[in-house]
């Protein structure tokens, strides 16, 4: 188990390093080499072989499909190629991992590379090179421990107890194991260890590998549940294709095993197992390609694109008739304004200050958590959808007054997004203030929240103000209070800096945070002014 832990950690580190190193180049390679089916299969196999993670390539493919960079049908080609590319790791493990005394090599590799990682943090290329060797060292260390542990376990393991269940039970074992650890490469490494130690025979090991083909797709399937229809099609296409590969492998496994042992005459079960894995993936690709278009059409009919706007607060089926569009755009702008206020209060932890009742506590247990970044992206998506809505309205004959009013509402929407961005940009500073041992920094959070509550009260007064003639004066007063408060903060920071209660960096951070707070408040006041004063001008 310790060996498995080291192996998974090493593989995870290697995957992250390769992903970070390749980053943009990996994505550009995928984008450029997925323009037709053949290039998609070969390109994804090469990338997966380098990165050594079919999951990484598959998840990037899903993101590309969602963004419209890769077509759904070419994405299916990528999925086909990843299965073949991921077998490279199995070849390395089978030909090197069990042919050398890797424990004697892994310790010096880990020692030297760990020192290199520590001392070359500022030199990225050397740092990444040492990090790769460190990950490989840990990976092979884990493999060595797994091998030693399996050899000891094999003495007391009775394979005959499971032989009566047939090979299908080992398919299930391979599926469950890969579903849990989400790495078919790790499952194959475990299986190679088991067959090397005599824990399982060759057909049982083959069955475990067959099960791993399906287990590795579960993460992709869950990841593709949310999103566009194309994203769901790729995720389900990946799952169904791997089911097809597993069924094909299970049905033909005895003939392929006979071919490997008697025709090719490979007596080494380690090489034979990896050859089986590579062969079945290659055969599956060749057999599946002629039916790919039919399969793609079936998926397109199965997962139809939903009409309307997704992941957005903008309403569905907004009216295009100018007379109705004015009110619709105003209501959407007002809704976004209030959503922004709620977003800002959440960032400032003001929502948590309200004591919930026992019913609210019960409800919170069933509610899913939405990160601030997800919520911010949703606000931006709403703005984008409303810009599209405005462009659709323009196709009708709008009067000059209607155009002016719509542009004002769009300006209010833009100001709301500015306000959300300002608060989002200082979220990390607020967390630092909250955790700071410096009392002056720690107190900044309470000060900012107190100032926001006073500002929020002013906004509510303006929203509930009944005398439209006095609204300009109310906005002037609110803006004056905001500016005056900001000047007081600046003076206080300068005083604390002069008295050496704050250092230069701390003073600069506080100034920047309050500048963003000022920008947020000014944007909200400008948005509200547009919405409140022009409310009665809708046509």
Protein backbone atom coordinates (compact mmCIF):
# COMPACT_ATOMS: atom_id res chain seq x y z
CA UNK A 1 0.00 0.00 0.00
CA UNK A 2 2.89 2.36 0.75
CA UNK A 3 4.38 1.47 -2.62
CA UNK A 4 1.06 2.22 -4.33
CA UNK A 5 0.96 5.56 -2.51
CA UNK A 6 4.46 6.47 -3.74
CA UNK A 7 3.62 5.32 -7.27
CA UNK A 8 0.43 7.40 -7.43
CA UNK A 9 2.19 10.42 -5.93
CA UNK A 10 5.06 10.15 -8.43
CA UNK A 11 2.64 9.76 -11.32
CA UNK A 12 0.56 12.72 -10.13
CA UNK A 13 3.67 14.90 -9.83
CA UNK A 14 4.91 13.84 -13.25
CA UNK A 15 1.49 14.56 -14.76
CA UNK A 16 1.34 18.05 -13.21
CA UNK A 17 4.90 18.93 -14.20
CA UNK A 18 4.43 17.82 -17.80
CA UNK A 19 1.11 19.64 -17.98
CA UNK A 20 2.66 22.87 -16.65
CA UNK A 21 5.73 22.61 -18.87
CA UNK A 22 3.76 21.93 -22.01
CA UNK A 23 0.84 24.22 -21.03
CA UNK A 24 0.18 26.36 -24.07
CA UNK A 25 2.30 24.21 -26.41
CA UNK A 26 0.25 21.12 -25.51
CA UNK A 27 -2.98 22.97 -26.25
CA UNK A 28 -1.63 24.46 -29.48
CA UNK A 29 -0.45 21.01 -30.59
CA UNK A 30 -3.91 19.59 -29.93
CA UNK A 31 -5.61 22.48 -31.69
CA UNK A 32 -3.40 22.26 -34.79
CA UNK A 33 -3.42 18.48 -35.01
CA UNK A 34 -7.12 17.77 -34.63
CA UNK A 35 -8.36 19.25 -37.90
CA UNK A 36 -9.07 15.82 -39.36
CA UNK A 37 -9.68 12.38 -37.92
CA UNK A 38 -6.28 10.83 -38.71
CA UNK A 39 -4.34 13.79 -37.27
CA UNK A 40 -6.61 13.80 -34.20
CA UNK A 41 -5.87 10.13 -33.45
CA UNK A 42 -2.10 10.36 -34.06
CA UNK A 43 -1.73 13.77 -32.38
CA UNK A 44 -3.56 12.75 -29.22
CA UNK A 45 -1.60 9.47 -29.02
CA UNK A 46 1.69 11.40 -29.18
CA UNK A 47 0.60 13.97 -26.58
CA UNK A 48 -0.76 11.30 -24.24
CA UNK A 49 2.49 9.37 -24.58
CA UNK A 50 4.46 12.48 -23.57
CA UNK A 51 2.19 13.70 -20.77
CA UNK A 52 1.38 10.14 -19.69
CA UNK A 53 -2.18 10.92 -18.72
CA UNK A 54 -5.15 10.19 -20.93
CA UNK A 55 -7.28 12.05 -18.37
CA UNK A 56 -5.37 15.32 -18.89
CA UNK A 57 -5.68 15.14 -22.68
CA UNK A 58 -9.34 14.12 -22.45
CA UNK A 59 -10.18 16.97 -20.05
CA UNK A 60 -8.40 19.51 -22.28
CA UNK A 61 -10.36 18.10 -25.23
CA UNK A 62 -13.63 18.55 -23.34
CA UNK A 63 -12.67 22.17 -22.61
CA UNK A 64 -11.81 22.74 -26.29
CA UNK A 65 -15.12 21.25 -27.39
CA UNK A 66 -16.96 23.48 -24.90
CA UNK A 67 -15.13 26.53 -26.26
CA UNK A 68 -15.77 25.52 -29.89
CA UNK A 69 -12.03 25.10 -30.69
CA UNK A 70 -12.39 21.41 -31.64
CA UNK A 71 -15.40 19.96 -33.39
CA UNK A 72 -17.28 17.15 -31.69
CA UNK A 73 -16.37 14.59 -34.38
CA UNK A 74 -12.66 15.38 -34.30
CA UNK A 75 -12.79 15.20 -30.50
CA UNK A 76 -13.89 11.58 -30.86
CA UNK A 77 -10.67 10.96 -32.79
CA UNK A 78 -8.70 12.46 -29.90
CA UNK A 79 -10.40 10.05 -27.49
CA UNK A 80 -9.43 7.10 -29.70
CA UNK A 81 -5.79 8.19 -29.71
CA UNK A 82 -5.47 8.71 -25.94
CA UNK A 83 -6.11 5.01 -25.24
CA UNK A 84 -3.18 4.03 -27.42
CA UNK A 85 -0.86 6.77 -26.12
CA UNK A 86 -1.32 5.85 -22.47
CA UNK A 87 0.19 2.38 -23.08
CA UNK A 88 3.68 3.93 -23.38
CA UNK A 89 3.93 4.09 -19.59
CA UNK A 90 3.10 0.38 -19.42
CA UNK A 91 5.97 -0.41 -21.82
CA UNK A 92 8.41 1.60 -19.68
CA UNK A 93 7.32 -0.15 -16.50
CA UNK A 94 7.40 -3.63 -18.07
CA UNK A 95 10.76 -3.26 -19.85
CA UNK A 96 12.68 -1.16 -17.30
CA UNK A 97 10.82 -1.32 -13.99
CA UNK A 98 11.12 -5.09 -13.63
CA UNK A 99 14.40 -5.66 -15.50
CA UNK A 100 16.63 -3.52 -13.25
CA UNK A 101 17.19 -3.29 -9.52
CA UNK A 102 15.26 -0.04 -9.51
CA UNK A 103 15.47 0.42 -5.73
CA UNK A 104 19.24 0.94 -5.99
CA UNK A 105 18.71 3.55 -8.71
CA UNK A 106 15.66 5.34 -7.32
CA UNK A 107 17.25 6.45 -4.02
CA UNK A 108 20.17 8.41 -5.58
CA UNK A 109 17.82 9.84 -8.24
CA UNK A 110 15.42 11.05 -5.53
CA UNK A 111 18.27 12.42 -3.39
CA UNK A 112 19.99 14.39 -6.16
CA UNK A 113 16.79 15.61 -7.82
CA UNK A 114 15.22 16.71 -4.50
CA UNK A 115 18.32 18.82 -3.74
CA UNK A 116 18.21 20.21 -7.28
CA UNK A 117 14.51 21.12 -6.96
CA UNK A 118 15.27 22.98 -3.71
CA UNK A 119 18.32 24.94 -4.92
CA UNK A 120 17.15 25.79 -8.46
CA UNK A 121 13.71 27.24 -7.74
CA UNK A 122 14.62 30.49 -9.52
CA UNK A 123 15.87 28.73 -12.66
CA UNK A 124 12.69 27.25 -14.08
CA UNK A 125 14.18 24.94 -16.72
CA UNK A 126 16.59 23.28 -14.30
CA UNK A 127 13.92 23.21 -11.59
CA UNK A 128 11.47 21.43 -13.90
CA UNK A 129 14.15 18.98 -15.08
CA UNK A 130 15.02 17.99 -11.51
CA UNK A 131 11.29 17.85 -10.67
CA UNK A 132 10.72 15.35 -13.51
CA UNK A 133 13.53 13.11 -12.25
CA UNK A 134 12.25 13.42 -8.69
CA UNK A 135 8.77 12.31 -9.80
CA UNK A 136 10.26 9.40 -11.77
CA UNK A 137 12.40 8.41 -8.79
CA UNK A 138 9.39 8.37 -6.45
CA UNK A 139 7.34 6.51 -9.06
CA UNK A 140 9.94 3.74 -9.42
CA UNK A 141 10.52 3.66 -5.67
CA UNK A 142 6.80 2.96 -5.26
CA UNK A 143 6.99 0.31 -7.96
CA UNK A 144 9.89 -1.34 -6.15
CA UNK A 145 7.97 -1.42 -2.86
CA UNK A 146 4.92 -2.81 -4.64
CA UNK A 147 7.07 -5.53 -6.17
CA UNK A 148 8.64 -6.47 -2.81
CA UNK A 149 5.27 -6.42 -1.06
CA UNK A 150 3.65 -8.55 -3.75
CA UNK A 151 6.44 -11.14 -3.57
CA UNK A 152 5.87 -11.51 0.17
CA UNK A 153 2.10 -11.61 -0.29
CA UNK A 154 2.36 -14.24 -3.04
CA UNK A 155 3.59 -16.84 -0.55
CA UNK A 156 0.20 -16.97 1.19
CA UNK A 157 -2.04 -16.11 -1.79
CA UNK A 158 -4.18 -18.95 -3.11
CA UNK A 159 -5.20 -18.18 -6.70
CA UNK A 160 -7.21 -21.40 -6.91
CA UNK A 161 -9.79 -19.88 -4.57
CA UNK A 162 -10.72 -17.41 -7.32
CA UNK A 163 -10.30 -19.62 -10.38
CA UNK A 164 -13.83 -20.96 -10.08
CA UNK A 165 -15.24 -17.45 -10.73
CA UNK A 166 -13.61 -17.25 -14.13
CA UNK A 167 -11.75 -14.31 -15.60
CA UNK A 168 -14.75 -11.99 -15.48
CA UNK A 169 -14.24 -11.39 -11.75
CA UNK A 170 -10.81 -9.96 -12.59
CA UNK A 171 -12.39 -7.62 -15.15
CA UNK A 172 -14.57 -6.26 -12.34
CA UNK A 173 -11.50 -5.95 -10.08
CA UNK A 174 -9.69 -3.95 -12.77
CA UNK A 175 -12.71 -1.69 -13.27
CA UNK A 176 -13.21 -1.01 -9.54
CA UNK A 177 -9.50 -0.44 -8.90
CA UNK A 178 -9.14 2.02 -11.78
CA UNK A 179 -12.36 3.82 -10.85
CA UNK A 180 -11.00 4.36 -7.33
CA UNK A 181 -7.47 5.50 -8.20
CA UNK A 182 -8.43 6.99 -11.61
CA UNK A 183 -5.28 5.85 -13.38
CA UNK A 184 -5.22 2.95 -15.80
CA UNK A 185 -1.40 3.21 -15.84
CA UNK A 186 -1.33 2.59 -12.09
CA UNK A 187 -3.68 -0.38 -12.45
CA UNK A 188 -1.46 -1.87 -15.16
CA UNK A 189 1.59 -1.32 -12.92
CA UNK A 190 -0.15 -3.12 -10.06
CA UNK A 191 -1.12 -5.92 -12.42
CA UNK A 192 2.44 -6.22 -13.75
CA UNK A 193 3.62 -6.45 -10.14
CA UNK A 194 1.05 -9.16 -9.42
CA UNK A 195 1.94 -11.24 -12.47
CA UNK A 196 5.68 -10.82 -11.79
CA UNK A 197 5.18 -12.07 -8.24
CA UNK A 198 2.99 -14.98 -9.28
CA UNK A 199 -0.09 -13.61 -7.52
CA UNK A 200 -2.15 -13.87 -10.71
CA UNK A 201 -1.70 -15.83 -13.90
CA UNK A 202 -1.47 -14.29 -17.38
CA UNK A 203 -5.20 -14.59 -18.38
CA UNK A 204 -6.31 -13.10 -15.04
CA UNK A 205 -3.87 -10.20 -15.49
CA UNK A 206 -5.24 -9.61 -18.99
CA UNK A 207 -8.77 -9.49 -17.55
CA UNK A 208 -7.72 -6.84 -14.99
CA UNK A 209 -6.27 -4.69 -17.79
CA UNK A 210 -9.54 -5.04 -19.73
CA UNK A 211 -11.49 -3.73 -16.74
CA UNK A 212 -9.10 -0.79 -16.39
CA UNK A 213 -10.05 0.39 -19.90
CA UNK A 214 -13.52 1.31 -18.64
CA UNK A 215 -12.60 2.45 -15.13
CA UNK A 216 -10.45 5.34 -16.34
CA UNK A 217 -13.40 6.90 -18.21
CA UNK A 218 -15.58 7.50 -15.12
CA UNK A 219 -13.90 10.81 -14.22
CA UNK A 220 -14.35 12.10 -17.78
CA UNK A 221 -17.97 10.98 -17.75
CA UNK A 222 -18.74 12.93 -14.56
CA UNK A 223 -16.78 15.95 -15.84
CA UNK A 224 -18.87 16.03 -19.00
CA UNK A 225 -22.23 15.87 -17.21
CA UNK A 226 -22.42 19.66 -17.07
CA UNK A 227 -21.88 21.83 -20.09
CA UNK A 228 -22.83 21.94 -23.74
CA UNK A 229 -24.37 19.11 -25.70
CA UNK A 230 -21.07 18.54 -27.54
CA UNK A 231 -19.22 18.20 -24.23
CA UNK A 232 -21.71 15.54 -23.10
CA UNK A 233 -21.41 13.76 -26.44
CA UNK A 234 -17.61 13.53 -26.13
CA UNK A 235 -17.78 12.31 -22.52
CA UNK A 236 -20.36 9.63 -23.32
CA UNK A 237 -18.57 8.79 -26.57
CA UNK A 238 -15.40 8.16 -24.58
CA UNK A 239 -17.27 5.93 -22.13
CA UNK A 240 -19.12 3.93 -24.80
CA UNK A 241 -15.98 3.52 -26.92
CA UNK A 242 -14.08 2.11 -23.95
CA UNK A 243 -16.99 -0.26 -23.22
CA UNK A 244 -16.69 -1.41 -26.84
CA UNK A 245 -12.91 -1.88 -26.44
CA UNK A 246 -13.37 -3.85 -23.22
CA UNK A 247 -16.03 -6.13 -24.74
CA UNK A 248 -13.91 -6.70 -27.83
CA UNK A 249 -10.90 -7.52 -25.66
CA UNK A 250 -12.84 -9.90 -23.42
CA UNK A 251 -14.42 -11.76 -26.32
CA UNK A 252 -11.13 -12.19 -28.19
CA UNK A 253 -8.74 -12.43 -25.24
CA UNK A 254 -8.08 -16.19 -25.57
CA UNK A 255 -7.25 -15.88 -29.28
CA UNK A 256 -4.99 -12.88 -28.68
CA UNK A 257 -3.26 -14.62 -25.78
CA UNK A 258 -2.71 -17.66 -28.04
CA UNK A 259 -1.26 -15.36 -30.74
CA UNK A 260 1.10 -13.69 -28.26
CA UNK A 261 2.32 -16.93 -26.64
CA UNK A 262 2.42 -19.27 -29.63
CA UNK A 263 2.69 -17.19 -32.82
CA UNK A 264 4.80 -14.24 -31.67
CA UNK A 265 6.30 -16.58 -29.02
CA UNK A 266 6.67 -14.03 -26.24
CA UNK A 267 7.36 -15.98 -23.08
CA UNK A 268 7.78 -12.99 -20.81
CA UNK A 269 4.31 -12.39 -19.31
CA UNK A 270 5.18 -8.74 -18.52
CA UNK A 271 5.89 -7.89 -22.16
CA UNK A 272 2.99 -10.10 -23.24
CA UNK A 273 0.55 -8.19 -21.02
CA UNK A 274 1.60 -4.77 -22.34
CA UNK A 275 1.56 -6.10 -25.91
CA UNK A 276 -2.01 -7.29 -25.32
CA UNK A 277 -3.01 -3.83 -24.03
CA UNK A 278 -1.44 -2.02 -27.01
CA UNK A 279 -2.78 -4.52 -29.54
CA UNK A 280 -6.37 -4.40 -28.34
CA UNK A 281 -6.38 -0.59 -28.38
CA UNK A 282 -4.94 -0.52 -31.89
CA UNK A 283 -7.42 -3.16 -33.13
CA UNK A 284 -10.28 -1.27 -31.50
CA UNK A 285 -9.32 1.95 -33.30
CA UNK A 286 -9.11 0.21 -36.68
CA UNK A 287 -12.51 -1.50 -36.20
CA UNK A 288 -14.21 1.62 -34.82
CA UNK A 289 -13.13 4.16 -37.47
CA UNK A 290 -15.52 2.92 -40.23
CA UNK A 291 -18.46 3.36 -37.86
CA UNK A 292 -17.34 6.66 -36.37
CA UNK A 293 -19.72 8.82 -38.43
CA UNK A 294 -22.69 6.60 -37.56
CA UNK A 295 -21.67 6.70 -33.91
CA UNK A 296 -21.29 10.49 -34.04
CA UNK A 297 -24.76 10.92 -35.57
CA UNK A 298 -26.27 8.71 -32.88
CA UNK A 299 -24.65 10.79 -30.14
CA UNK A 300 -25.83 14.01 -31.81
CA UNK A 301 -29.40 12.73 -31.82
CA UNK A 302 -29.09 11.41 -28.27
CA UNK A 303 -27.78 14.64 -26.77
CA UNK A 304 -29.58 17.52 -28.41
CA UNK A 305 -28.40 21.08 -27.80
CA UNK A 306 -30.70 22.89 -25.42
CA UNK A 307 -32.19 26.12 -26.60
CA UNK A 308 -31.62 29.20 -24.54
CA UNK A 309 -28.82 30.60 -22.44
CA UNK A 310 -26.93 28.42 -19.98
CA UNK A 311 -24.78 29.30 -17.00
CA UNK A 312 -26.20 32.80 -17.00
CA UNK A 313 -28.61 34.97 -15.04
CA UNK A 314 -30.02 36.39 -18.27
CA UNK A 315 -33.59 35.30 -18.88
CA UNK A 316 -34.56 32.85 -21.60
CA UNK A 317 -36.48 33.88 -24.72
CA UNK A 318 -36.10 37.63 -24.14
CA UNK A 319 -38.44 39.67 -26.39
CA UNK A 320 -37.02 41.28 -29.52
CA UNK A 321 -39.89 43.73 -30.00
CA UNK A 322 -38.44 47.17 -29.14
CA UNK A 323 -41.39 48.20 -26.95
CA UNK A 324 -40.93 45.11 -24.78
CA UNK A 325 -37.16 44.99 -25.06
CA UNK A 326 -36.71 48.24 -23.11
CA UNK A 327 -38.36 46.83 -20.00
CA UNK A 328 -36.67 43.45 -20.45
CA UNK A 329 -33.18 44.98 -20.66
CA UNK A 330 -33.85 47.20 -17.64
CA UNK A 331 -35.04 44.24 -15.59
CA UNK A 332 -31.99 42.20 -16.61
CA UNK A 333 -29.70 45.08 -15.66
CA UNK A 334 -31.42 45.46 -12.28
CA UNK A 335 -31.19 41.73 -11.65
CA UNK A 336 -27.47 41.73 -12.47
CA UNK A 337 -26.99 44.72 -10.14
CA UNK A 338 -28.57 42.84 -7.24
CA UNK A 339 -26.63 39.65 -8.06
CA UNK A 340 -23.44 41.72 -7.97
CA UNK A 341 -24.37 43.13 -4.56
CA UNK A 342 -24.92 39.58 -3.29
CA UNK A 343 -21.61 38.46 -4.82
CA UNK A 344 -19.75 41.31 -3.11
CA UNK A 345 -21.38 40.59 0.25
CA UNK A 346 -20.33 36.95 -0.08
CA UNK A 347 -16.70 37.92 -0.80
CA UNK A 348 -16.75 40.26 2.19
CA UNK A 349 -18.19 37.42 4.34
CA UNK A 350 -21.22 39.58 5.22
CA UNK A 351 -23.67 36.83 4.29
CA UNK A 352 -22.15 34.57 6.94
CA UNK A 353 -22.65 37.27 9.60
CA UNK A 354 -26.40 36.74 9.44
CA UNK A 355 -27.47 34.05 11.93
CA UNK A 356 -29.40 31.38 10.03
CA UNK A 357 -32.38 29.55 11.47
CA UNK A 358 -32.51 25.80 11.87
CA UNK A 359 -34.47 25.46 8.62
CA UNK A 360 -31.76 27.40 6.76
CA UNK A 361 -29.13 25.13 8.30
CA UNK A 362 -30.97 22.07 7.01
CA UNK A 363 -31.26 23.63 3.55
CA UNK A 364 -27.55 24.42 3.49
CA UNK A 365 -26.74 20.71 3.82
CA UNK A 366 -28.41 19.97 0.50
CA UNK A 367 -27.09 23.00 -1.37
CA UNK A 368 -24.08 22.66 -3.64
CA UNK A 369 -21.13 24.99 -3.08
CA UNK A 370 -20.35 27.55 -5.78
CA UNK A 371 -16.88 29.09 -5.70
CA UNK A 372 -16.42 32.84 -6.03
CA UNK A 373 -14.61 32.31 -9.32
CA UNK A 374 -17.52 30.28 -10.72
CA UNK A 375 -19.98 32.96 -9.61
CA UNK A 376 -17.84 35.72 -11.15
CA UNK A 377 -17.69 33.81 -14.44
CA UNK A 378 -21.48 33.49 -14.32
CA UNK A 379 -21.85 37.26 -13.89
CA UNK A 380 -19.55 37.84 -16.85
CA UNK A 381 -21.45 35.26 -18.90
CA UNK A 382 -24.64 37.17 -18.13
CA UNK A 383 -23.10 40.39 -19.43
CA UNK A 384 -21.96 38.61 -22.59
CA UNK A 385 -25.42 37.13 -23.16
CA UNK A 386 -27.06 40.54 -22.73
CA UNK A 387 -24.62 42.04 -25.25
CA UNK A 388 -25.73 39.37 -27.71
CA UNK A 389 -29.35 40.20 -26.85
CA UNK A 390 -28.70 43.89 -27.58
CA UNK A 391 -27.16 43.03 -30.97
CA UNK A 392 -30.27 40.98 -31.80
CA UNK A 393 -32.55 43.89 -30.83
CA UNK A 394 -30.62 46.19 -33.18
CA UNK A 395 -31.86 44.18 -36.15
CA UNK A 396 -35.24 45.87 -35.56
CA UNK A 397 -35.91 49.51 -36.31
CA UNK A 398 -35.04 51.35 -33.10
CA UNK A 399 -35.65 54.99 -32.47
CA UNK A 400 -32.80 57.21 -31.33
CA UNK A 401 -34.29 57.38 -27.83
CA UNK A 402 -34.65 53.61 -27.63
CA UNK A 403 -31.02 53.12 -28.72
CA UNK A 404 -29.81 55.66 -26.15
CA UNK A 405 -31.78 54.00 -23.36
CA UNK A 406 -30.51 50.52 -24.27
CA UNK A 407 -26.92 51.77 -24.27
CA UNK A 408 -27.49 53.29 -20.83
CA UNK A 409 -28.70 49.95 -19.51
CA UNK A 410 -25.66 48.24 -21.04
CA UNK A 411 -23.50 50.84 -19.28
CA UNK A 412 -25.19 49.94 -15.97
CA UNK A 413 -24.48 46.27 -16.68
CA UNK A 414 -20.82 47.10 -17.38
CA UNK A 415 -20.54 49.08 -14.14
CA UNK A 416 -21.95 46.14 -12.18
CA UNK A 417 -19.29 43.85 -13.64
CA UNK A 418 -16.60 46.44 -12.83
CA UNK A 419 -17.81 46.40 -9.22
CA UNK A 420 -17.69 42.59 -9.07
CA UNK A 421 -14.18 42.51 -10.56
CA UNK A 422 -12.87 45.07 -8.06
CA UNK A 423 -14.02 42.96 -5.10
CA UNK A 424 -12.85 39.70 -6.68
CA UNK A 425 -9.36 41.15 -7.20
CA UNK A 426 -8.90 41.83 -3.46
CA UNK A 427 -10.42 38.58 -2.19
CA UNK A 428 -6.98 37.13 -1.45
CA UNK A 429 -5.96 40.34 0.38
CA UNK A 430 -9.03 40.12 2.61
CA UNK A 431 -8.14 36.53 3.52
CA UNK A 432 -4.59 37.64 4.33
CA UNK A 433 -5.92 40.46 6.54
CA UNK A 434 -8.21 38.04 8.33
CA UNK A 435 -5.32 35.66 9.10
CA UNK A 436 -2.72 38.34 9.90
CA UNK A 437 -1.03 38.51 13.34
CA UNK A 438 -0.70 42.28 12.88
CA UNK A 439 -3.72 43.69 14.71
CA UNK A 440 -3.93 46.71 12.39
CA UNK A 441 -4.10 44.47 9.32
CA UNK A 442 -6.53 42.08 11.01
CA UNK A 443 -8.81 44.99 11.94
CA UNK A 444 -8.97 46.09 8.31
CA UNK A 445 -11.50 43.33 7.56
CA UNK A 446 -13.84 44.58 10.29
CA UNK A 447 -13.36 48.18 9.06
CA UNK A 448 -14.08 47.26 5.44
CA UNK A 449 -17.18 45.27 6.41
CA UNK A 450 -18.46 48.08 8.64
CA UNK A 451 -17.96 50.63 5.86
CA UNK A 452 -19.70 48.33 3.38
CA UNK A 453 -22.74 47.90 5.63
CA UNK A 454 -23.04 51.70 5.87
CA UNK A 455 -22.72 51.95 2.07
CA UNK A 456 -25.28 49.16 1.60
CA UNK A 457 -27.75 51.07 3.78
CA UNK A 458 -27.28 54.12 1.53
CA UNK A 459 -27.98 52.02 -1.55
CA UNK A 460 -31.16 50.67 0.04
CA UNK A 461 -32.30 54.19 0.89
CA UNK A 462 -31.82 55.24 -2.73
CA UNK A 463 -33.61 52.14 -3.99
CA UNK A 464 -36.59 52.85 -1.73
CA UNK A 465 -36.62 56.63 -2.28
CA UNK A 466 -40.00 57.76 -3.59
CA UNK A 467 -39.18 61.34 -4.60
CA UNK A 468 -37.48 61.17 -8.01
CA UNK A 469 -36.67 64.89 -7.92
CA UNK A 470 -34.39 64.41 -4.92
CA UNK A 471 -32.59 61.37 -6.32
CA UNK A 472 -29.67 63.36 -7.85
CA UNK A 473 -29.03 64.92 -4.44
CA UNK A 474 -29.09 61.47 -2.79
CA UNK A 475 -26.51 60.20 -5.25
CA UNK A 476 -24.31 63.25 -4.63
CA UNK A 477 -24.47 62.68 -0.88
CA UNK A 478 -23.65 58.99 -1.25
CA UNK A 479 -20.70 59.72 -3.54
CA UNK A 480 -19.45 62.44 -1.18
CA UNK A 481 -19.58 60.01 1.77
CA UNK A 482 -17.67 57.37 -0.17
CA UNK A 483 -14.92 59.81 -1.19
CA UNK A 484 -14.70 61.31 2.30
CA UNK A 485 -14.39 57.84 3.83
CA UNK A 486 -11.59 56.99 1.40
CA UNK A 487 -9.66 60.14 2.35
CA UNK A 488 -9.97 59.24 6.04
CA UNK A 489 -8.51 55.80 5.34
CA UNK A 490 -5.55 57.29 3.48
CA UNK A 491 -4.78 59.69 6.34
CA UNK A 492 -5.02 56.90 8.90
CA UNK A 493 -2.69 54.63 6.90
CA UNK A 494 -0.14 57.42 6.55
CA UNK A 495 -0.30 58.09 10.30
CA UNK A 496 0.24 54.39 11.13
CA UNK A 497 3.12 54.22 8.63
CA UNK A 498 4.74 57.28 10.20
CA UNK A 499 4.45 55.73 13.68
CA UNK A 500 6.04 52.47 12.39
CA UNK A 501 2.89 50.46 13.13
CA UNK A 502 2.81 49.46 9.48
CA UNK A 503 5.67 48.75 7.11
CA UNK A 504 5.81 50.02 3.51
CA UNK A 505 4.43 46.81 1.99
CA UNK A 506 1.53 46.60 4.46
CA UNK A 507 0.64 50.25 3.92
CA UNK A 508 0.71 49.80 0.13
CA UNK A 509 -1.52 46.72 0.36
CA UNK A 510 -4.11 48.53 2.49
CA UNK A 511 -4.09 51.49 0.09
CA UNK A 512 -4.64 49.17 -2.90
CA UNK A 513 -7.47 47.30 -1.18
CA UNK A 514 -9.31 50.51 -0.31
CA UNK A 515 -8.75 51.85 -3.81
CA UNK A 516 -10.51 48.77 -5.21
CA UNK A 517 -13.28 49.21 -2.64
CA UNK A 518 -13.67 52.83 -3.75
CA UNK A 519 -13.76 51.75 -7.41
CA UNK A 520 -16.41 49.14 -6.57
CA UNK A 521 -18.64 51.62 -4.72
CA UNK A 522 -18.35 54.27 -7.44
CA UNK A 523 -19.27 51.70 -10.12
CA UNK A 524 -22.31 50.54 -8.14
CA UNK A 525 -23.49 54.11 -7.58
CA UNK A 526 -23.11 54.86 -11.30
CA UNK A 527 -25.02 51.69 -12.22
CA UNK A 528 -27.79 52.46 -9.74
CA UNK A 529 -28.02 56.06 -10.90
CA UNK A 530 -28.61 54.91 -14.48
CA UNK A 531 -31.21 52.34 -13.42
CA UNK A 532 -33.04 54.50 -10.87
CA UNK A 533 -33.19 57.81 -12.73
CA UNK A 534 -33.98 56.29 -16.13
CA UNK A 535 -36.53 53.81 -14.78
CA UNK A 536 -39.48 55.99 -15.79
CA UNK A 537 -38.07 56.70 -19.25
CA UNK A 538 -38.60 53.19 -20.62
CA UNK A 539 -40.64 53.17 -23.78
